[in-house]
Amino acid sequence: MQNKFVILMEKAERDFNVSVELIKGDNSYWTPTPLEEVLELDSFGIIDIGDDQSDFEKLISLIHEVGHVIRHKDSN
């Protein structure tokens, strides 16, 4: 399962211009780049995935957070 997470993580970083990082704990979230800085940084933010989650939960959390990125990009 870890391999699938890494593949999806790399795809999310490449396709959606985000950085995906593992953080301590079981919480996952997306921190968007402020809109006025997106063009300058060419980044839509950081997705933090809690390392205390199971591999399956990490996959689901990453997909969930990518959904926030997609919705944010589409609304702008």
PDB file of N, CA and C in Angstrom:
ATOM      1  N   MET A   1       0.827  -1.204   0.000  1.00  0.00           N
ATOM      2  CA  MET A   1       0.000   0.000   0.000  1.00  0.00           C
ATOM      3  C   MET A   1       0.863   1.257   0.000  1.00  0.00           C
ATOM      4  N   GLN A   2       1.978   1.233   0.678  1.00  0.00           N
ATOM      5  CA  GLN A   2       2.836   2.424   0.746  1.00  0.00           C
ATOM      6  C   GLN A   2       3.256   2.866  -0.643  1.00  0.00           C
ATOM      7  N   ASN A   3       3.554   1.917  -1.528  1.00  0.00           N
ATOM      8  CA  ASN A   3       3.935   2.258  -2.890  1.00  0.00           C
ATOM      9  C   ASN A   3       2.834   3.030  -3.600  1.00  0.00           C
ATOM     10  N   LYS A   4       1.585   2.634  -3.416  1.00  0.00           N
ATOM     11  CA  LYS A   4       0.462   3.324  -4.043  1.00  0.00           C
ATOM     12  C   LYS A   4       0.352   4.751  -3.526  1.00  0.00           C
ATOM     13  N   PHE A   5       0.592   4.937  -2.238  1.00  0.00           N
ATOM     14  CA  PHE A   5       0.556   6.281  -1.667  1.00  0.00           C
ATOM     15  C   PHE A   5       1.639   7.148  -2.293  1.00  0.00           C
ATOM     16  N   VAL A   6       2.843   6.617  -2.397  1.00  0.00           N
ATOM     17  CA  VAL A   6       3.960   7.381  -2.975  1.00  0.00           C
ATOM     18  C   VAL A   6       3.661   7.738  -4.433  1.00  0.00           C
ATOM     19  N   ILE A   7       3.121   6.807  -5.192  1.00  0.00           N
ATOM     20  CA  ILE A   7       2.774   7.072  -6.595  1.00  0.00           C
ATOM     21  C   ILE A   7       1.728   8.178  -6.675  1.00  0.00           C
ATOM     22  N   LEU A   8       0.678   8.091  -5.853  1.00  0.00           N
ATOM     23  CA  LEU A   8      -0.369   9.098  -5.858  1.00  0.00           C
ATOM     24  C   LEU A   8       0.166  10.448  -5.363  1.00  0.00           C
ATOM     25  N   MET A   9       1.033  10.423  -4.369  1.00  0.00           N
ATOM     26  CA  MET A   9       1.628  11.642  -3.847  1.00  0.00           C
ATOM     27  C   MET A   9       2.422  12.356  -4.943  1.00  0.00           C
ATOM     28  N   GLU A  10       3.255  11.618  -5.658  1.00  0.00           N
ATOM     29  CA  GLU A  10       4.065  12.211  -6.726  1.00  0.00           C
ATOM     30  C   GLU A  10       3.179  12.741  -7.848  1.00  0.00           C
ATOM     31  N   LYS A  11       2.113  12.024  -8.168  1.00  0.00           N
ATOM     32  CA  LYS A  11       1.184  12.478  -9.209  1.00  0.00           C
ATOM     33  C   LYS A  11       0.478  13.760  -8.776  1.00  0.00           C
ATOM     34  N   ALA A  12       0.052  13.829  -7.526  1.00  0.00           N
ATOM     35  CA  ALA A  12      -0.615  15.033  -7.016  1.00  0.00           C
ATOM     36  C   ALA A  12       0.334  16.227  -7.072  1.00  0.00           C
ATOM     37  N   GLU A  13       1.576  16.017  -6.671  1.00  0.00           N
ATOM     38  CA  GLU A  13       2.551  17.110  -6.701  1.00  0.00           C
ATOM     39  C   GLU A  13       2.768  17.602  -8.126  1.00  0.00           C
ATOM     40  N   ARG A  14       2.885  16.690  -9.039  1.00  0.00           N
ATOM     41  CA  ARG A  14       3.158  17.031 -10.441  1.00  0.00           C
ATOM     42  C   ARG A  14       1.932  17.659 -11.118  1.00  0.00           C
ATOM     43  N   ASP A  15       0.764  17.048 -10.941  1.00  0.00           N
ATOM     44  CA  ASP A  15      -0.428  17.480 -11.668  1.00  0.00           C
ATOM     45  C   ASP A  15      -1.117  18.705 -11.066  1.00  0.00           C
ATOM     46  N   PHE A  16      -0.983  18.903  -9.762  1.00  0.00           N
ATOM     47  CA  PHE A  16      -1.720  19.977  -9.105  1.00  0.00           C
ATOM     48  C   PHE A  16      -0.829  21.038  -8.465  1.00  0.00           C
ATOM     49  N   ASN A  17       0.463  20.958  -8.698  1.00  0.00           N
ATOM     50  CA  ASN A  17       1.418  21.954  -8.185  1.00  0.00           C
ATOM     51  C   ASN A  17       1.273  22.177  -6.678  1.00  0.00           C
ATOM     52  N   VAL A  18       1.285  21.081  -5.933  1.00  0.00           N
ATOM     53  CA  VAL A  18       1.269  21.146  -4.474  1.00  0.00           C
ATOM     54  C   VAL A  18       2.467  20.371  -3.947  1.00  0.00           C
ATOM     55  N   SER A  19       2.779  20.615  -2.709  1.00  0.00           N
ATOM     56  CA  SER A  19       3.798  19.836  -2.022  1.00  0.00           C
ATOM     57  C   SER A  19       3.067  18.929  -1.034  1.00  0.00           C
ATOM     58  N   VAL A  20       3.400  17.642  -1.040  1.00  0.00           N
ATOM     59  CA  VAL A  20       2.769  16.695  -0.114  1.00  0.00           C
ATOM     60  C   VAL A  20       3.826  16.262   0.894  1.00  0.00           C
ATOM     61  N   GLU A  21       3.495  16.409   2.169  1.00  0.00           N
ATOM     62  CA  GLU A  21       4.446  16.097   3.234  1.00  0.00           C
ATOM     63  C   GLU A  21       3.779  15.250   4.309  1.00  0.00           C
ATOM     64  N   LEU A  22       4.542  14.341   4.885  1.00  0.00           N
ATOM     65  CA  LEU A  22       4.064  13.588   6.049  1.00  0.00           C
ATOM     66  C   LEU A  22       4.377  14.396   7.299  1.00  0.00           C
ATOM     67  N   ILE A  23       3.389  14.477   8.196  1.00  0.00           N
ATOM     68  CA  ILE A  23       3.578  15.197   9.451  1.00  0.00           C
ATOM     69  C   ILE A  23       3.244  14.269  10.610  1.00  0.00           C
ATOM     70  N   LYS A  24       3.690  14.630  11.784  1.00  0.00           N
ATOM     71  CA  LYS A  24       3.433  13.841  12.979  1.00  0.00           C
ATOM     72  C   LYS A  24       1.956  13.928  13.355  1.00  0.00           C
ATOM     73  N   GLY A  25       1.374  12.812  13.697  1.00  0.00           N
ATOM     74  CA  GLY A  25      -0.013  12.795  14.154  1.00  0.00           C
ATOM     75  C   GLY A  25      -0.941  12.098  13.188  1.00  0.00           C
ATOM     76  N   ASP A  26      -2.251  12.268  13.439  1.00  0.00           N
ATOM     77  CA  ASP A  26      -3.237  11.592  12.598  1.00  0.00           C
ATOM     78  C   ASP A  26      -4.120  12.565  11.823  1.00  0.00           C
ATOM     79  N   ASN A  27      -3.763  13.837  11.841  1.00  0.00           N
ATOM     80  CA  ASN A  27      -4.551  14.852  11.161  1.00  0.00           C
ATOM     81  C   ASN A  27      -3.951  15.152   9.787  1.00  0.00           C
ATOM     82  N   SER A  28      -4.798  15.398   8.799  1.00  0.00           N
ATOM     83  CA  SER A  28      -4.351  15.759   7.464  1.00  0.00           C
ATOM     84  C   SER A  28      -5.089  17.010   7.026  1.00  0.00           C
ATOM     85  N   TYR A  29      -4.402  17.879   6.308  1.00  0.00           N
ATOM     86  CA  TYR A  29      -5.027  19.111   5.854  1.00  0.00           C
ATOM     87  C   TYR A  29      -4.236  19.726   4.710  1.00  0.00           C
ATOM     88  N   TRP A  30      -4.884  20.667   4.028  1.00  0.00           N
ATOM     89  CA  TRP A  30      -4.275  21.402   2.931  1.00  0.00           C
ATOM     90  C   TRP A  30      -4.154  22.859   3.337  1.00  0.00           C
ATOM     91  N   THR A  31      -2.967  23.426   3.180  1.00  0.00           N
ATOM     92  CA  THR A  31      -2.738  24.843   3.427  1.00  0.00           C
ATOM     93  C   THR A  31      -2.526  25.508   2.083  1.00  0.00           C
ATOM     94  N   PRO A  32      -3.524  26.284   1.604  1.00  0.00           N
ATOM     95  CA  PRO A  32      -3.394  26.886   0.280  1.00  0.00           C
ATOM     96  C   PRO A  32      -2.392  28.039   0.268  1.00  0.00           C
ATOM     97  N   THR A  33      -1.768  28.222  -0.875  1.00  0.00           N
ATOM     98  CA  THR A  33      -0.933  29.399  -1.094  1.00  0.00           C
ATOM     99  C   THR A  33      -1.880  30.576  -1.328  1.00  0.00           C
ATOM    100  N   PRO A  34      -1.624  31.732  -0.700  1.00  0.00           N
ATOM    101  CA  PRO A  34      -2.484  32.900  -0.975  1.00  0.00           C
ATOM    102  C   PRO A  34      -2.528  33.187  -2.485  1.00  0.00           C
ATOM    103  N   LEU A  35      -3.716  33.521  -2.990  1.00  0.00           N
ATOM    104  CA  LEU A  35      -3.908  33.702  -4.427  1.00  0.00           C
ATOM    105  C   LEU A  35      -2.917  34.674  -5.046  1.00  0.00           C
ATOM    106  N   GLU A  36      -2.578  35.749  -4.333  1.00  0.00           N
ATOM    107  CA  GLU A  36      -1.656  36.738  -4.897  1.00  0.00           C
ATOM    108  C   GLU A  36      -0.232  36.195  -5.034  1.00  0.00           C
ATOM    109  N   GLU A  37       0.057  35.053  -4.401  1.00  0.00           N
ATOM    110  CA  GLU A  37       1.396  34.459  -4.479  1.00  0.00           C
ATOM    111  C   GLU A  37       1.462  33.225  -5.377  1.00  0.00           C
ATOM    112  N   VAL A  38       0.314  32.745  -5.865  1.00  0.00           N
ATOM    113  CA  VAL A  38       0.291  31.510  -6.646  1.00  0.00           C
ATOM    114  C   VAL A  38       1.144  31.620  -7.901  1.00  0.00           C
ATOM    115  N   LEU A  39       0.989  32.690  -8.666  1.00  0.00           N
ATOM    116  CA  LEU A  39       1.764  32.838  -9.904  1.00  0.00           C
ATOM    117  C   LEU A  39       3.254  32.953  -9.618  1.00  0.00           C
ATOM    118  N   GLU A  40       3.586  33.700  -8.585  1.00  0.00           N
ATOM    119  CA  GLU A  40       4.994  33.889  -8.230  1.00  0.00           C
ATOM    120  C   GLU A  40       5.645  32.584  -7.774  1.00  0.00           C
ATOM    121  N   LEU A  41       4.948  31.812  -6.973  1.00  0.00           N
ATOM    122  CA  LEU A  41       5.505  30.585  -6.409  1.00  0.00           C
ATOM    123  C   LEU A  41       5.204  29.357  -7.263  1.00  0.00           C
ATOM    124  N   ASP A  42       4.263  29.474  -8.201  1.00  0.00           N
ATOM    125  CA  ASP A  42       3.824  28.345  -9.020  1.00  0.00           C
ATOM    126  C   ASP A  42       3.453  27.154  -8.135  1.00  0.00           C
ATOM    127  N   SER A  43       2.697  27.440  -7.069  1.00  0.00           N
ATOM    128  CA  SER A  43       2.307  26.406  -6.117  1.00  0.00           C
ATOM    129  C   SER A  43       0.915  26.696  -5.594  1.00  0.00           C
ATOM    130  N   PHE A  44       0.134  25.640  -5.403  1.00  0.00           N
ATOM    131  CA  PHE A  44      -1.189  25.791  -4.822  1.00  0.00           C
ATOM    132  C   PHE A  44      -1.209  25.362  -3.364  1.00  0.00           C
ATOM    133  N   GLY A  45      -0.036  25.241  -2.743  1.00  0.00           N
ATOM    134  CA  GLY A  45       0.010  24.992  -1.315  1.00  0.00           C
ATOM    135  C   GLY A  45       0.659  23.682  -0.922  1.00  0.00           C
ATOM    136  N   ILE A  46       0.408  23.341   0.331  1.00  0.00           N
ATOM    137  CA  ILE A  46       1.015  22.152   0.942  1.00  0.00           C
ATOM    138  C   ILE A  46      -0.090  21.258   1.473  1.00  0.00           C
ATOM    139  N   ILE A  47      -0.016  19.987   1.136  1.00  0.00           N
ATOM    140  CA  ILE A  47      -0.914  18.990   1.717  1.00  0.00           C
ATOM    141  C   ILE A  47      -0.106  18.214   2.754  1.00  0.00           C
ATOM    142  N   ASP A  48      -0.556  18.291   3.995  1.00  0.00           N
ATOM    143  CA  ASP A  48       0.084  17.563   5.084  1.00  0.00           C
ATOM    144  C   ASP A  48      -0.737  16.320   5.397  1.00  0.00           C
ATOM    145  N   ILE A  49      -0.073  15.184   5.441  1.00  0.00           N
ATOM    146  CA  ILE A  49      -0.718  13.903   5.724  1.00  0.00           C
ATOM    147  C   ILE A  49      -0.154  13.353   7.036  1.00  0.00           C
ATOM    148  N   GLY A  50      -1.040  13.068   7.983  1.00  0.00           N
ATOM    149  CA  GLY A  50      -0.622  12.555   9.284  1.00  0.00           C
ATOM    150  C   GLY A  50      -0.006  11.164   9.186  1.00  0.00           C
ATOM    151  N   ASP A  51       1.169  11.008   9.782  1.00  0.00           N
ATOM    152  CA  ASP A  51       1.893   9.735   9.671  1.00  0.00           C
ATOM    153  C   ASP A  51       1.364   8.648  10.603  1.00  0.00           C
ATOM    154  N   ASP A  52       0.459   8.987  11.526  1.00  0.00           N
ATOM    155  CA  ASP A  52      -0.112   7.974  12.414  1.00  0.00           C
ATOM    156  C   ASP A  52      -1.300   7.246  11.782  1.00  0.00           C
ATOM    157  N   GLN A  53      -1.680   7.646  10.577  1.00  0.00           N
ATOM    158  CA  GLN A  53      -2.786   6.988   9.884  1.00  0.00           C
ATOM    159  C   GLN A  53      -2.299   5.691   9.240  1.00  0.00           C
ATOM    160  N   SER A  54      -3.235   4.788   9.030  1.00  0.00           N
ATOM    161  CA  SER A  54      -2.892   3.566   8.293  1.00  0.00           C
ATOM    162  C   SER A  54      -2.601   3.957   6.840  1.00  0.00           C
ATOM    163  N   ASP A  55      -1.989   3.058   6.095  1.00  0.00           N
ATOM    164  CA  ASP A  55      -1.693   3.342   4.689  1.00  0.00           C
ATOM    165  C   ASP A  55      -2.970   3.660   3.913  1.00  0.00           C
ATOM    166  N   PHE A  56      -4.045   2.916   4.185  1.00  0.00           N
ATOM    167  CA  PHE A  56      -5.316   3.169   3.515  1.00  0.00           C
ATOM    168  C   PHE A  56      -5.849   4.563   3.864  1.00  0.00           C
ATOM    169  N   GLU A  57      -5.771   4.943   5.140  1.00  0.00           N
ATOM    170  CA  GLU A  57      -6.237   6.265   5.560  1.00  0.00           C
ATOM    171  C   GLU A  57      -5.408   7.376   4.922  1.00  0.00           C
ATOM    172  N   LYS A  58      -4.115   7.145   4.747  1.00  0.00           N
ATOM    173  CA  LYS A  58      -3.268   8.140   4.072  1.00  0.00           C
ATOM    174  C   LYS A  58      -3.723   8.347   2.638  1.00  0.00           C
ATOM    175  N   LEU A  59      -4.033   7.264   1.944  1.00  0.00           N
ATOM    176  CA  LEU A  59      -4.533   7.367   0.570  1.00  0.00           C
ATOM    177  C   LEU A  59      -5.831   8.173   0.524  1.00  0.00           C
ATOM    178  N   ILE A  60      -6.774   7.831   1.387  1.00  0.00           N
ATOM    179  CA  ILE A  60      -8.061   8.523   1.417  1.00  0.00           C
ATOM    180  C   ILE A  60      -7.868   9.995   1.783  1.00  0.00           C
ATOM    181  N   SER A  61      -7.013  10.274   2.755  1.00  0.00           N
ATOM    182  CA  SER A  61      -6.758  11.661   3.161  1.00  0.00           C
ATOM    183  C   SER A  61      -6.164  12.467   2.015  1.00  0.00           C
ATOM    184  N   LEU A  62      -5.216  11.880   1.305  1.00  0.00           N
ATOM    185  CA  LEU A  62      -4.593  12.581   0.183  1.00  0.00           C
ATOM    186  C   LEU A  62      -5.624  12.871  -0.906  1.00  0.00           C
ATOM    187  N   ILE A  63      -6.449  11.890  -1.238  1.00  0.00           N
ATOM    188  CA  ILE A  63      -7.483  12.097  -2.252  1.00  0.00           C
ATOM    189  C   ILE A  63      -8.454  13.188  -1.808  1.00  0.00           C
ATOM    190  N   HIS A  64      -8.823  13.175  -0.543  1.00  0.00           N
ATOM    191  CA  HIS A  64      -9.729  14.186   0.000  1.00  0.00           C
ATOM    192  C   HIS A  64      -9.125  15.584  -0.129  1.00  0.00           C
ATOM    193  N   GLU A  65      -7.880  15.731   0.276  1.00  0.00           N
ATOM    194  CA  GLU A  65      -7.228  17.044   0.234  1.00  0.00           C
ATOM    195  C   GLU A  65      -7.013  17.518  -1.201  1.00  0.00           C
ATOM    196  N   VAL A  66      -6.707  16.604  -2.124  1.00  0.00           N
ATOM    197  CA  VAL A  66      -6.583  16.969  -3.536  1.00  0.00           C
ATOM    198  C   VAL A  66      -7.931  17.489  -4.040  1.00  0.00           C
ATOM    199  N   GLY A  67      -9.019  16.941  -3.546  1.00  0.00           N
ATOM    200  CA  GLY A  67     -10.344  17.453  -3.908  1.00  0.00           C
ATOM    201  C   GLY A  67     -10.500  18.915  -3.532  1.00  0.00           C
ATOM    202  N   HIS A  68      -9.995  19.318  -2.375  1.00  0.00           N
ATOM    203  CA  HIS A  68     -10.022  20.734  -1.981  1.00  0.00           C
ATOM    204  C   HIS A  68      -9.224  21.583  -2.968  1.00  0.00           C
ATOM    205  N   VAL A  69      -8.054  21.089  -3.372  1.00  0.00           N
ATOM    206  CA  VAL A  69      -7.208  21.827  -4.315  1.00  0.00           C
ATOM    207  C   VAL A  69      -7.954  22.009  -5.637  1.00  0.00           C
ATOM    208  N   ILE A  70      -8.551  20.945  -6.149  1.00  0.00           N
ATOM    209  CA  ILE A  70      -9.267  21.000  -7.436  1.00  0.00           C
ATOM    210  C   ILE A  70     -10.410  21.996  -7.347  1.00  0.00           C
ATOM    211  N   ARG A  71     -11.184  21.929  -6.288  1.00  0.00           N
ATOM    212  CA  ARG A  71     -12.315  22.840  -6.129  1.00  0.00           C
ATOM    213  C   ARG A  71     -11.836  24.290  -6.057  1.00  0.00           C
ATOM    214  N   HIS A  72     -10.761  24.527  -5.333  1.00  0.00           N
ATOM    215  CA  HIS A  72     -10.196  25.878  -5.199  1.00  0.00           C
ATOM    216  C   HIS A  72      -9.699  26.398  -6.558  1.00  0.00           C
ATOM    217  N   LYS A  73      -8.994  25.547  -7.297  1.00  0.00           N
ATOM    218  CA  LYS A  73      -8.490  25.948  -8.616  1.00  0.00           C
ATOM    219  C   LYS A  73      -9.658  26.239  -9.563  1.00  0.00           C
ATOM    220  N   ASP A  74     -10.690  25.414  -9.545  1.00  0.00           N
ATOM    221  CA  ASP A  74     -11.834  25.599 -10.436  1.00  0.00           C
ATOM    222  C   ASP A  74     -12.630  26.849 -10.106  1.00  0.00           C
ATOM    223  N   SER A  75     -12.665  27.230  -8.853  1.00  0.00           N
ATOM    224  CA  SER A  75     -13.441  28.420  -8.454  1.00  0.00           C
ATOM    225  C   SER A  75     -12.706  29.707  -8.760  1.00  0.00           C
ATOM    226  N   ASN A  76     -11.422  29.606  -9.085  1.00  0.00           N
ATOM    227  CA  ASN A  76     -10.640  30.802  -9.415  1.00  0.00           C
ATOM    228  C   ASN A  76     -10.324  30.788 -10.879  1.00  0.00           C
TER     229      ASN A  76
END
